[in-house]
Protein backbone atom coordinates (compact mmCIF):
# COMPACT_ATOMS: atom_id res chain seq x y z
CA MET A 1 -54.81 73.31 -229.51
CA ALA A 2 -54.46 71.55 -226.13
CA GLN A 3 -56.25 73.06 -223.16
CA GLU A 4 -53.87 74.22 -220.43
CA GLU A 5 -54.34 72.20 -217.25
CA GLN A 6 -55.38 74.16 -214.18
CA SER A 7 -53.76 73.18 -210.90
CA LEU A 8 -54.80 73.92 -207.35
CA ALA A 9 -52.37 74.54 -204.49
CA VAL A 10 -53.49 73.79 -200.93
CA THR A 11 -51.39 74.65 -197.87
CA LEU A 12 -52.51 72.98 -194.66
CA PRO A 13 -50.83 72.95 -191.24
CA VAL A 14 -50.49 69.42 -189.86
CA ARG A 15 -52.32 70.42 -186.67
CA ARG A 16 -55.40 71.49 -188.66
CA LEU A 17 -55.29 68.24 -190.64
CA VAL A 18 -55.14 66.15 -187.45
CA GLU A 19 -57.94 68.19 -185.83
CA PHE A 20 -60.08 67.58 -188.91
CA LEU A 21 -59.36 63.85 -188.94
CA LEU A 22 -60.06 63.46 -185.21
CA ARG A 23 -63.12 65.72 -185.04
CA THR A 24 -65.46 62.80 -184.32
CA GLY A 25 -63.69 61.60 -181.19
CA SER A 26 -61.53 58.70 -180.18
CA ILE A 27 -61.66 55.14 -181.44
CA ASP A 28 -61.15 54.09 -177.82
CA SER A 29 -64.48 54.30 -175.98
CA ARG A 30 -63.06 53.47 -172.55
CA PHE A 31 -63.14 56.28 -169.99
CA THR A 32 -59.63 57.45 -169.19
CA GLY A 33 -60.21 60.39 -166.88
CA PHE A 34 -60.46 64.13 -167.38
CA ASP A 35 -56.82 64.93 -166.58
CA ARG A 36 -55.16 62.63 -169.10
CA ALA A 37 -54.22 65.43 -171.56
CA ASN A 38 -52.73 67.57 -168.77
CA GLU A 39 -50.72 64.64 -167.47
CA GLY A 40 -49.43 63.88 -170.96
CA ALA A 41 -48.40 67.53 -171.46
CA ARG A 42 -46.61 67.55 -168.08
CA ILE A 43 -44.65 64.39 -168.94
CA HIS A 44 -43.84 65.78 -172.39
CA ARG A 45 -42.38 68.97 -170.84
CA LYS A 46 -40.36 66.87 -168.39
CA LEU A 47 -38.90 64.79 -171.24
CA GLN A 48 -38.05 67.93 -173.22
CA ARG A 49 -36.19 69.45 -170.24
CA ALA A 50 -34.23 66.21 -169.83
CA ALA A 51 -33.36 66.21 -173.55
CA VAL A 52 -32.02 69.79 -173.34
CA ARG A 53 -29.77 68.82 -170.41
CA GLU A 54 -28.44 65.75 -172.22
CA HIS A 55 -28.20 67.26 -175.72
CA PRO A 56 -27.47 71.03 -175.72
CA ASP A 57 -28.38 71.32 -179.42
CA TYR A 58 -31.82 69.73 -178.87
CA ALA A 59 -34.69 71.69 -180.46
CA ALA A 60 -38.15 71.22 -178.95
CA GLU A 61 -39.81 72.04 -182.27
CA VAL A 62 -38.51 72.17 -185.80
CA ALA A 63 -40.20 73.35 -188.97
CA LEU A 64 -40.93 70.67 -191.56
CA ARG A 65 -42.54 71.00 -194.96
CA GLN A 66 -43.62 68.32 -197.41
CA VAL A 67 -45.31 68.74 -200.76
CA PHE A 68 -47.60 66.03 -202.16
CA ARG A 69 -49.15 66.04 -205.60
CA CYS A 70 -52.34 64.19 -206.49
CA GLU A 71 -53.46 64.69 -210.08
CA THR A 72 -53.86 68.48 -210.45
CA ILE A 73 -53.78 69.34 -206.73
CA GLU A 74 -50.58 70.16 -204.88
CA TYR A 75 -50.79 69.79 -201.09
CA THR A 76 -48.22 71.42 -198.84
CA LEU A 77 -48.20 70.20 -195.24
């Protein structure tokens, strides 16, 4: 009689995956200033506002889901 294979299902938000991967810092060791993240967020908001004006059906965020299988583990991102 064959043994039934156990499988594991893991659901992981992309943000948590990226935070885990980048937990040790940047590969770029040059100093870029303390306000770089704030400036990037400001520019991102500006681009999103422009996109809404140009494309009324523009969505700032959309839900995506992808399932990957590796041997007996199923990953849902």
